[in-house]
PDB file of N, CA and C in Angstrom:
ATOM      1  N   UNK A   1     -66.730  16.873  -0.875  1.00  0.00           N
ATOM      2  CA  UNK A   1     -65.900  17.754  -0.076  1.00  0.00           C
ATOM      3  C   UNK A   1     -65.175  17.012   1.053  1.00  0.00           C
ATOM      4  N   UNK A   2     -65.847  16.101   1.794  1.00  0.00           N
ATOM      5  CA  UNK A   2     -65.134  15.378   2.850  1.00  0.00           C
ATOM      6  C   UNK A   2     -63.965  14.572   2.303  1.00  0.00           C
ATOM      7  N   UNK A   3     -64.101  14.028   1.085  1.00  0.00           N
ATOM      8  CA  UNK A   3     -63.011  13.240   0.502  1.00  0.00           C
ATOM      9  C   UNK A   3     -61.788  14.122   0.268  1.00  0.00           C
ATOM     10  N   UNK A   4     -61.984  15.332  -0.221  1.00  0.00           N
ATOM     11  CA  UNK A   4     -60.874  16.258  -0.451  1.00  0.00           C
ATOM     12  C   UNK A   4     -60.219  16.614   0.873  1.00  0.00           C
ATOM     13  N   UNK A   5     -61.010  16.854   1.900  1.00  0.00           N
ATOM     14  CA  UNK A   5     -60.489  17.201   3.224  1.00  0.00           C
ATOM     15  C   UNK A   5     -59.651  16.066   3.804  1.00  0.00           C
ATOM     16  N   UNK A   6     -60.139  14.840   3.729  1.00  0.00           N
ATOM     17  CA  UNK A   6     -59.409  13.687   4.263  1.00  0.00           C
ATOM     18  C   UNK A   6     -58.131  13.452   3.468  1.00  0.00           C
ATOM     19  N   UNK A   7     -58.194  13.592   2.149  1.00  0.00           N
ATOM     20  CA  UNK A   7     -56.994  13.431   1.323  1.00  0.00           C
ATOM     21  C   UNK A   7     -55.958  14.491   1.656  1.00  0.00           C
ATOM     22  N   UNK A   8     -56.397  15.723   1.880  1.00  0.00           N
ATOM     23  CA  UNK A   8     -55.486  16.806   2.241  1.00  0.00           C
ATOM     24  C   UNK A   8     -54.816  16.535   3.586  1.00  0.00           C
ATOM     25  N   UNK A   9     -55.566  16.054   4.558  1.00  0.00           N
ATOM     26  CA  UNK A   9     -54.991  15.710   5.864  1.00  0.00           C
ATOM     27  C   UNK A   9     -53.933  14.624   5.700  1.00  0.00           C
ATOM     28  N   UNK A  10     -54.221  13.615   4.892  1.00  0.00           N
ATOM     29  CA  UNK A  10     -53.256  12.536   4.662  1.00  0.00           C
ATOM     30  C   UNK A  10     -51.964  13.080   4.058  1.00  0.00           C
ATOM     31  N   UNK A  11     -52.074  13.944   3.070  1.00  0.00           N
ATOM     32  CA  UNK A  11     -50.887  14.517   2.422  1.00  0.00           C
ATOM     33  C   UNK A  11     -50.091  15.358   3.411  1.00  0.00           C
ATOM     34  N   UNK A  12     -50.770  16.162   4.219  1.00  0.00           N
ATOM     35  CA  UNK A  12     -50.074  16.999   5.200  1.00  0.00           C
ATOM     36  C   UNK A  12     -49.360  16.161   6.253  1.00  0.00           C
ATOM     37  N   UNK A  13     -49.994  15.108   6.739  1.00  0.00           N
ATOM     38  CA  UNK A  13     -49.348  14.236   7.721  1.00  0.00           C
ATOM     39  C   UNK A  13     -48.162  13.500   7.115  1.00  0.00           C
ATOM     40  N   UNK A  14     -48.272  13.121   5.854  1.00  0.00           N
ATOM     41  CA  UNK A  14     -47.145  12.468   5.183  1.00  0.00           C
ATOM     42  C   UNK A  14     -45.962  13.417   5.076  1.00  0.00           C
ATOM     43  N   UNK A  15     -46.246  14.674   4.767  1.00  0.00           N
ATOM     44  CA  UNK A  15     -45.182  15.675   4.685  1.00  0.00           C
ATOM     45  C   UNK A  15     -44.551  15.949   6.031  1.00  0.00           C
ATOM     46  N   UNK A  16     -45.333  15.897   7.081  1.00  0.00           N
ATOM     47  CA  UNK A  16     -44.812  16.094   8.433  1.00  0.00           C
ATOM     48  C   UNK A  16     -43.873  14.967   8.821  1.00  0.00           C
ATOM     49  N   UNK A  17     -44.197  13.752   8.418  1.00  0.00           N
ATOM     50  CA  UNK A  17     -43.384  12.595   8.790  1.00  0.00           C
ATOM     51  C   UNK A  17     -42.093  12.494   7.987  1.00  0.00           C
ATOM     52  N   UNK A  18     -42.025  13.097   6.810  1.00  0.00           N
ATOM     53  CA  UNK A  18     -40.836  12.972   5.960  1.00  0.00           C
ATOM     54  C   UNK A  18     -39.554  13.443   6.627  1.00  0.00           C
ATOM     55  N   UNK A  19     -39.494  14.643   7.245  1.00  0.00           N
ATOM     56  CA  UNK A  19     -38.246  15.057   7.891  1.00  0.00           C
ATOM     57  C   UNK A  19     -37.874  14.160   9.073  1.00  0.00           C
ATOM     58  N   UNK A  20     -38.858  13.589   9.734  1.00  0.00           N
ATOM     59  CA  UNK A  20     -38.593  12.706  10.868  1.00  0.00           C
ATOM     60  C   UNK A  20     -37.857  11.460  10.395  1.00  0.00           C
ATOM     61  N   UNK A  21     -38.247  10.928   9.252  1.00  0.00           N
ATOM     62  CA  UNK A  21     -37.621   9.712   8.735  1.00  0.00           C
ATOM     63  C   UNK A  21     -36.156   9.930   8.375  1.00  0.00           C
ATOM     64  N   UNK A  22     -35.761  11.174   8.090  1.00  0.00           N
ATOM     65  CA  UNK A  22     -34.378  11.465   7.723  1.00  0.00           C
ATOM     66  C   UNK A  22     -33.557  11.972   8.901  1.00  0.00           C
ATOM     67  N   UNK A  23     -34.117  11.966  10.095  1.00  0.00           N
ATOM     68  CA  UNK A  23     -33.378  12.409  11.278  1.00  0.00           C
ATOM     69  C   UNK A  23     -32.164  11.509  11.497  1.00  0.00           C
ATOM     70  N   UNK A  24     -31.114  12.076  12.025  1.00  0.00           N
ATOM     71  CA  UNK A  24     -29.837  11.370  12.165  1.00  0.00           C
ATOM     72  C   UNK A  24     -29.929  10.107  13.014  1.00  0.00           C
ATOM     73  N   UNK A  25     -30.657  10.140  14.119  1.00  0.00           N
ATOM     74  CA  UNK A  25     -30.713   8.999  15.035  1.00  0.00           C
ATOM     75  C   UNK A  25     -31.967   8.146  14.860  1.00  0.00           C
ATOM     76  N   UNK A  26     -32.693   8.327  13.765  1.00  0.00           N
ATOM     77  CA  UNK A  26     -33.949   7.608  13.570  1.00  0.00           C
ATOM     78  C   UNK A  26     -33.706   6.202  13.027  1.00  0.00           C
ATOM     79  N   UNK A  27     -34.456   5.225  13.565  1.00  0.00           N
ATOM     80  CA  UNK A  27     -34.462   3.860  13.054  1.00  0.00           C
ATOM     81  C   UNK A  27     -35.897   3.500  12.703  1.00  0.00           C
ATOM     82  N   UNK A  28     -36.080   2.820  11.574  1.00  0.00           N
ATOM     83  CA  UNK A  28     -37.407   2.438  11.115  1.00  0.00           C
ATOM     84  C   UNK A  28     -38.155   1.656  12.195  1.00  0.00           C
ATOM     85  N   UNK A  29     -39.396   2.044  12.454  1.00  0.00           N
ATOM     86  CA  UNK A  29     -40.203   1.367  13.458  1.00  0.00           C
ATOM     87  C   UNK A  29     -40.097   1.975  14.844  1.00  0.00           C
ATOM     88  N   UNK A  30     -39.229   2.931  14.998  1.00  0.00           N
ATOM     89  CA  UNK A  30     -38.973   3.537  16.304  1.00  0.00           C
ATOM     90  C   UNK A  30     -39.996   4.615  16.657  1.00  0.00           C
ATOM     91  N   UNK A  31     -40.548   5.285  15.662  1.00  0.00           N
ATOM     92  CA  UNK A  31     -41.427   6.412  15.919  1.00  0.00           C
ATOM     93  C   UNK A  31     -40.609   7.662  16.157  1.00  0.00           C
ATOM     94  N   UNK A  32     -41.274   8.729  16.551  1.00  0.00           N
ATOM     95  CA  UNK A  32     -40.601  10.003  16.787  1.00  0.00           C
ATOM     96  C   UNK A  32     -40.807  10.398  18.239  1.00  0.00           C
ATOM     97  N   UNK A  33     -39.744  10.718  18.928  1.00  0.00           N
ATOM     98  CA  UNK A  33     -39.816  11.062  20.343  1.00  0.00           C
ATOM     99  C   UNK A  33     -39.510  12.538  20.539  1.00  0.00           C
ATOM    100  N   UNK A  34     -40.305  13.173  21.382  1.00  0.00           N
ATOM    101  CA  UNK A  34     -40.076  14.556  21.775  1.00  0.00           C
ATOM    102  C   UNK A  34     -40.299  14.629  23.279  1.00  0.00           C
ATOM    103  N   UNK A  35     -39.216  14.621  24.036  1.00  0.00           N
ATOM    104  CA  UNK A  35     -39.328  14.602  25.493  1.00  0.00           C
ATOM    105  C   UNK A  35     -39.926  13.290  25.952  1.00  0.00           C
ATOM    106  N   UNK A  36     -41.027  13.359  26.681  1.00  0.00           N
ATOM    107  CA  UNK A  36     -41.707  12.161  27.180  1.00  0.00           C
ATOM    108  C   UNK A  36     -42.874  11.728  26.292  1.00  0.00           C
ATOM    109  N   UNK A  37     -42.940  12.263  25.081  1.00  0.00           N
ATOM    110  CA  UNK A  37     -44.050  11.945  24.188  1.00  0.00           C
ATOM    111  C   UNK A  37     -43.543  11.279  22.918  1.00  0.00           C
ATOM    112  N   UNK A  38     -44.357  10.348  22.386  1.00  0.00           N
ATOM    113  CA  UNK A  38     -44.013   9.595  21.184  1.00  0.00           C
ATOM    114  C   UNK A  38     -45.107   9.758  20.138  1.00  0.00           C
ATOM    115  N   UNK A  39     -44.698   9.811  18.879  1.00  0.00           N
ATOM    116  CA  UNK A  39     -45.620   9.830  17.753  1.00  0.00           C
ATOM    117  C   UNK A  39     -45.154   8.747  16.783  1.00  0.00           C
ATOM    118  N   UNK A  40     -46.051   7.855  16.415  1.00  0.00           N
ATOM    119  CA  UNK A  40     -45.694   6.778  15.489  1.00  0.00           C
ATOM    120  C   UNK A  40     -46.917   6.412  14.665  1.00  0.00           C
ATOM    121  N   UNK A  41     -46.731   5.527  13.719  1.00  0.00           N
ATOM    122  CA  UNK A  41     -47.857   5.104  12.904  1.00  0.00           C
ATOM    123  C   UNK A  41     -47.406   4.295  11.712  1.00  0.00           C
ATOM    124  N   UNK A  42     -48.378   3.970  10.872  1.00  0.00           N
ATOM    125  CA  UNK A  42     -48.101   3.192   9.672  1.00  0.00           C
ATOM    126  C   UNK A  42     -49.213   3.422   8.663  1.00  0.00           C
ATOM    127  N   UNK A  43     -48.947   3.039   7.428  1.00  0.00           N
ATOM    128  CA  UNK A  43     -49.969   3.116   6.392  1.00  0.00           C
ATOM    129  C   UNK A  43     -49.831   1.934   5.439  1.00  0.00           C
ATOM    130  N   UNK A  44     -50.936   1.576   4.839  1.00  0.00           N
ATOM    131  CA  UNK A  44     -50.963   0.503   3.851  1.00  0.00           C
ATOM    132  C   UNK A  44     -51.717   1.031   2.635  1.00  0.00           C
ATOM    133  N   UNK A  45     -50.990   1.248   1.531  1.00  0.00           N
ATOM    134  CA  UNK A  45     -51.598   1.733   0.298  1.00  0.00           C
ATOM    135  C   UNK A  45     -51.786   0.573  -0.665  1.00  0.00           C
ATOM    136  N   UNK A  46     -52.874   0.613  -1.432  1.00  0.00           N
ATOM    137  CA  UNK A  46     -53.139  -0.417  -2.437  1.00  0.00           C
ATOM    138  C   UNK A  46     -53.399   0.242  -3.781  1.00  0.00           C
ATOM    139  N   UNK A  47     -52.670  -0.182  -4.787  1.00  0.00           N
ATOM    140  CA  UNK A  47     -52.938   0.230  -6.156  1.00  0.00           C
ATOM    141  C   UNK A  47     -53.710  -0.905  -6.813  1.00  0.00           C
ATOM    142  N   UNK A  48     -54.955  -0.636  -7.178  1.00  0.00           N
ATOM    143  CA  UNK A  48     -55.831  -1.662  -7.738  1.00  0.00           C
ATOM    144  C   UNK A  48     -56.039  -1.358  -9.219  1.00  0.00           C
ATOM    145  N   UNK A  49     -55.641  -2.287 -10.066  1.00  0.00           N
ATOM    146  CA  UNK A  49     -55.759  -2.118 -11.513  1.00  0.00           C
ATOM    147  C   UNK A  49     -56.255  -3.425 -12.122  1.00  0.00           C
ATOM    148  N   UNK A  50     -57.527  -3.705 -11.940  1.00  0.00           N
ATOM    149  CA  UNK A  50     -58.130  -4.931 -12.475  1.00  0.00           C
ATOM    150  C   UNK A  50     -58.512  -4.727 -13.936  1.00  0.00           C
ATOM    151  N   UNK A  51     -58.383  -5.777 -14.709  1.00  0.00           N
ATOM    152  CA  UNK A  51     -58.723  -5.720 -16.127  1.00  0.00           C
ATOM    153  C   UNK A  51     -60.202  -5.382 -16.295  1.00  0.00           C
ATOM    154  N   UNK A  52     -60.481  -4.360 -17.085  1.00  0.00           N
ATOM    155  CA  UNK A  52     -61.863  -4.005 -17.377  1.00  0.00           C
ATOM    156  C   UNK A  52     -62.499  -3.048 -16.389  1.00  0.00           C
ATOM    157  N   UNK A  53     -61.767  -2.592 -15.371  1.00  0.00           N
ATOM    158  CA  UNK A  53     -62.329  -1.628 -14.422  1.00  0.00           C
ATOM    159  C   UNK A  53     -61.321  -0.496 -14.209  1.00  0.00           C
ATOM    160  N   UNK A  54     -61.791   0.670 -13.758  1.00  0.00           N
ATOM    161  CA  UNK A  54     -60.882   1.803 -13.563  1.00  0.00           C
ATOM    162  C   UNK A  54     -59.828   1.518 -12.484  1.00  0.00           C
ATOM    163  N   UNK A  55     -58.619   2.000 -12.714  1.00  0.00           N
ATOM    164  CA  UNK A  55     -57.550   1.866 -11.717  1.00  0.00           C
ATOM    165  C   UNK A  55     -57.805   2.846 -10.581  1.00  0.00           C
ATOM    166  N   UNK A  56     -57.362   2.482  -9.372  1.00  0.00           N
ATOM    167  CA  UNK A  56     -57.518   3.393  -8.240  1.00  0.00           C
ATOM    168  C   UNK A  56     -56.432   3.141  -7.203  1.00  0.00           C
ATOM    169  N   UNK A  57     -56.161   4.175  -6.423  1.00  0.00           N
ATOM    170  CA  UNK A  57     -55.205   4.110  -5.323  1.00  0.00           C
ATOM    171  C   UNK A  57     -55.991   4.268  -4.030  1.00  0.00           C
ATOM    172  N   UNK A  58     -55.942   3.250  -3.182  1.00  0.00           N
ATOM    173  CA  UNK A  58     -56.693   3.242  -1.922  1.00  0.00           C
ATOM    174  C   UNK A  58     -55.757   3.265  -0.726  1.00  0.00           C
ATOM    175  N   UNK A  59     -56.206   3.921   0.343  1.00  0.00           N
ATOM    176  CA  UNK A  59     -55.562   3.757   1.645  1.00  0.00           C
ATOM    177  C   UNK A  59     -56.323   2.623   2.306  1.00  0.00           C
ATOM    178  N   UNK A  60     -55.684   1.483   2.437  1.00  0.00           N
ATOM    179  CA  UNK A  60     -56.325   0.353   3.098  1.00  0.00           C
ATOM    180  C   UNK A  60     -56.345   0.584   4.600  1.00  0.00           C
ATOM    181  N   UNK A  61     -55.270   1.155   5.132  1.00  0.00           N
ATOM    182  CA  UNK A  61     -55.185   1.436   6.566  1.00  0.00           C
ATOM    183  C   UNK A  61     -54.144   2.526   6.796  1.00  0.00           C
ATOM    184  N   UNK A  62     -54.507   3.557   7.546  1.00  0.00           N
ATOM    185  CA  UNK A  62     -53.605   4.639   7.926  1.00  0.00           C
ATOM    186  C   UNK A  62     -53.822   4.893   9.412  1.00  0.00           C
ATOM    187  N   UNK A  63     -52.791   4.719  10.211  1.00  0.00           N
ATOM    188  CA  UNK A  63     -52.917   4.877  11.662  1.00  0.00           C
ATOM    189  C   UNK A  63     -51.801   5.751  12.204  1.00  0.00           C
ATOM    190  N   UNK A  64     -52.154   6.632  13.128  1.00  0.00           N
ATOM    191  CA  UNK A  64     -51.192   7.472  13.839  1.00  0.00           C
ATOM    192  C   UNK A  64     -51.429   7.256  15.330  1.00  0.00           C
ATOM    193  N   UNK A  65     -50.342   7.017  16.063  1.00  0.00           N
ATOM    194  CA  UNK A  65     -50.418   6.792  17.503  1.00  0.00           C
ATOM    195  C   UNK A  65     -49.655   7.897  18.223  1.00  0.00           C
ATOM    196  N   UNK A  66     -50.216   8.392  19.298  1.00  0.00           N
ATOM    197  CA  UNK A  66     -49.533   9.364  20.147  1.00  0.00           C
ATOM    198  C   UNK A  66     -49.611   8.849  21.581  1.00  0.00           C
ATOM    199  N   UNK A  67     -48.484   8.861  22.268  1.00  0.00           N
ATOM    200  CA  UNK A  67     -48.477   8.405  23.658  1.00  0.00           C
ATOM    201  C   UNK A  67     -47.504   9.254  24.455  1.00  0.00           C
ATOM    202  N   UNK A  68     -47.667   9.212  25.747  1.00  0.00           N
ATOM    203  CA  UNK A  68     -46.802   9.990  26.620  1.00  0.00           C
ATOM    204  C   UNK A  68     -46.565   9.294  27.940  1.00  0.00           C
ATOM    205  N   UNK A  69     -45.574   9.782  28.633  1.00  0.00           N
ATOM    206  CA  UNK A  69     -45.237   9.261  29.952  1.00  0.00           C
ATOM    207  C   UNK A  69     -45.056  10.462  30.868  1.00  0.00           C
ATOM    208  N   UNK A  70     -46.160  10.896  31.482  1.00  0.00           N
ATOM    209  CA  UNK A  70     -46.121  12.080  32.330  1.00  0.00           C
ATOM    210  C   UNK A  70     -45.590  11.729  33.710  1.00  0.00           C
ATOM    211  N   UNK A  71     -46.140  10.693  34.313  1.00  0.00           N
ATOM    212  CA  UNK A  71     -45.631  10.171  35.588  1.00  0.00           C
ATOM    213  C   UNK A  71     -46.062   8.708  35.698  1.00  0.00           C
ATOM    214  N   UNK A  72     -45.883   8.090  36.846  1.00  0.00           N
ATOM    215  CA  UNK A  72     -46.199   6.664  36.952  1.00  0.00           C
ATOM    216  C   UNK A  72     -47.691   6.368  36.879  1.00  0.00           C
ATOM    217  N   UNK A  73     -48.554   7.362  37.062  1.00  0.00           N
ATOM    218  CA  UNK A  73     -50.000   7.143  37.022  1.00  0.00           C
ATOM    219  C   UNK A  73     -50.654   7.668  35.740  1.00  0.00           C
ATOM    220  N   UNK A  74     -50.036   8.636  35.108  1.00  0.00           N
ATOM    221  CA  UNK A  74     -50.637   9.267  33.933  1.00  0.00           C
ATOM    222  C   UNK A  74     -49.781   8.971  32.700  1.00  0.00           C
ATOM    223  N   UNK A  75     -50.317   8.139  31.811  1.00  0.00           N
ATOM    224  CA  UNK A  75     -49.642   7.761  30.569  1.00  0.00           C
ATOM    225  C   UNK A  75     -50.669   7.774  29.431  1.00  0.00           C
ATOM    226  N   UNK A  76     -50.954   8.955  28.867  1.00  0.00           N
ATOM    227  CA  UNK A  76     -52.001   9.042  27.843  1.00  0.00           C
ATOM    228  C   UNK A  76     -51.620   8.326  26.554  1.00  0.00           C
ATOM    229  N   UNK A  77     -52.660   7.880  25.836  1.00  0.00           N
ATOM    230  CA  UNK A  77     -52.480   7.225  24.544  1.00  0.00           C
ATOM    231  C   UNK A  77     -53.663   7.599  23.662  1.00  0.00           C
ATOM    232  N   UNK A  78     -53.389   7.913  22.397  1.00  0.00           N
ATOM    233  CA  UNK A  78     -54.455   8.226  21.439  1.00  0.00           C
ATOM    234  C   UNK A  78     -54.111   7.604  20.092  1.00  0.00           C
ATOM    235  N   UNK A  79     -55.150   7.229  19.351  1.00  0.00           N
ATOM    236  CA  UNK A  79     -54.962   6.647  18.022  1.00  0.00           C
ATOM    237  C   UNK A  79     -55.962   7.264  17.061  1.00  0.00           C
ATOM    238  N   UNK A  80     -55.487   7.588  15.871  1.00  0.00           N
ATOM    239  CA  UNK A  80     -56.347   8.062  14.794  1.00  0.00           C
ATOM    240  C   UNK A  80     -56.185   7.075  13.652  1.00  0.00           C
ATOM    241  N   UNK A  81     -57.305   6.602  13.117  1.00  0.00           N
ATOM    242  CA  UNK A  81     -57.233   5.588  12.066  1.00  0.00           C
ATOM    243  C   UNK A  81     -58.174   5.935  10.920  1.00  0.00           C
ATOM    244  N   UNK A  82     -57.696   5.704   9.716  1.00  0.00           N
ATOM    245  CA  UNK A  82     -58.487   5.882   8.507  1.00  0.00           C
ATOM    246  C   UNK A  82     -58.346   4.603   7.696  1.00  0.00           C
ATOM    247  N   UNK A  83     -59.456   4.042   7.250  1.00  0.00           N
ATOM    248  CA  UNK A  83     -59.360   2.816   6.454  1.00  0.00           C
ATOM    249  C   UNK A  83     -60.353   2.855   5.300  1.00  0.00           C
ATOM    250  N   UNK A  84     -60.003   2.105   4.264  1.00  0.00           N
ATOM    251  CA  UNK A  84     -60.848   1.970   3.073  1.00  0.00           C
ATOM    252  C   UNK A  84     -61.236   3.328   2.489  1.00  0.00           C
ATOM    253  N   UNK A  85     -60.214   4.133   2.152  1.00  0.00           N
ATOM    254  CA  UNK A  85     -60.443   5.449   1.569  1.00  0.00           C
ATOM    255  C   UNK A  85     -59.765   5.503   0.201  1.00  0.00           C
ATOM    256  N   UNK A  86     -60.503   5.886  -0.828  1.00  0.00           N
ATOM    257  CA  UNK A  86     -59.941   5.998  -2.171  1.00  0.00           C
ATOM    258  C   UNK A  86     -59.334   7.378  -2.347  1.00  0.00           C
ATOM    259  N   UNK A  87     -58.024   7.423  -2.622  1.00  0.00           N
ATOM    260  CA  UNK A  87     -57.340   8.691  -2.857  1.00  0.00           C
ATOM    261  C   UNK A  87     -57.517   9.158  -4.298  1.00  0.00           C
ATOM    262  N   UNK A  88     -57.252   8.261  -5.239  1.00  0.00           N
ATOM    263  CA  UNK A  88     -57.311   8.597  -6.661  1.00  0.00           C
ATOM    264  C   UNK A  88     -58.026   7.466  -7.390  1.00  0.00           C
ATOM    265  N   UNK A  89     -58.943   7.849  -8.285  1.00  0.00           N
ATOM    266  CA  UNK A  89     -59.603   6.839  -9.108  1.00  0.00           C
ATOM    267  C   UNK A  89     -59.588   7.310 -10.550  1.00  0.00           C
ATOM    268  N   UNK A  90     -59.224   6.441 -11.448  1.00  0.00           N
ATOM    269  CA  UNK A  90     -59.186   6.757 -12.863  1.00  0.00           C
ATOM    270  C   UNK A  90     -60.588   7.119 -13.331  1.00  0.00           C
ATOM    271  N   UNK A  91     -60.745   8.290 -13.902  1.00  0.00           N
ATOM    272  CA  UNK A  91     -62.050   8.727 -14.365  1.00  0.00           C
ATOM    273  C   UNK A  91     -62.849   9.462 -13.301  1.00  0.00           C
ATOM    274  N   UNK A  92     -62.300   9.646 -12.101  1.00  0.00           N
ATOM    275  CA  UNK A  92     -62.987  10.374 -11.034  1.00  0.00           C
ATOM    276  C   UNK A  92     -64.072   9.559 -10.370  1.00  0.00           C
ATOM    277  N   UNK A  93     -64.996  10.249  -9.693  1.00  0.00           N
ATOM    278  CA  UNK A  93     -66.125   9.631  -8.997  1.00  0.00           C
ATOM    279  C   UNK A  93     -65.700   8.569  -7.992  1.00  0.00           C
ATOM    280  N   UNK A  94     -64.673   8.862  -7.182  1.00  0.00           N
ATOM    281  CA  UNK A  94     -64.230   7.916  -6.153  1.00  0.00           C
ATOM    282  C   UNK A  94     -65.306   7.768  -5.093  1.00  0.00           C
ATOM    283  N   UNK A  95     -65.595   6.540  -4.699  1.00  0.00           N
ATOM    284  CA  UNK A  95     -66.568   6.260  -3.649  1.00  0.00           C
ATOM    285  C   UNK A  95     -65.855   5.570  -2.506  1.00  0.00           C
ATOM    286  N   UNK A  96     -66.099   6.028  -1.290  1.00  0.00           N
ATOM    287  CA  UNK A  96     -65.434   5.473  -0.113  1.00  0.00           C
ATOM    288  C   UNK A  96     -66.411   4.655   0.695  1.00  0.00           C
ATOM    289  N   UNK A  97     -65.908   3.560   1.267  1.00  0.00           N
ATOM    290  CA  UNK A  97     -66.773   2.681   2.051  1.00  0.00           C
ATOM    291  C   UNK A  97     -66.467   2.716   3.486  1.00  0.00           C
TER     292      UNK A  97
END
């Protein structure tokens, strides 16, 4: 059950980021700005298909950063990271480390 929940969160966040990437003034690597707050991140996917073993799609690293600039003393920053998570495995029974 936790694997399904984490995979669902990943898909929802990917869908949220899609319209941002097509914004008129967006440049790759810039992140998304809303007022004094920024949202950015990156992901690294790996498709592993070794001879003699089941193929699988892994998230090697998925990170989302949120930061803000409230005033000269208060500048919050938060990071959410997911690593080494198997999204899809041929034949099922995905195991995460």
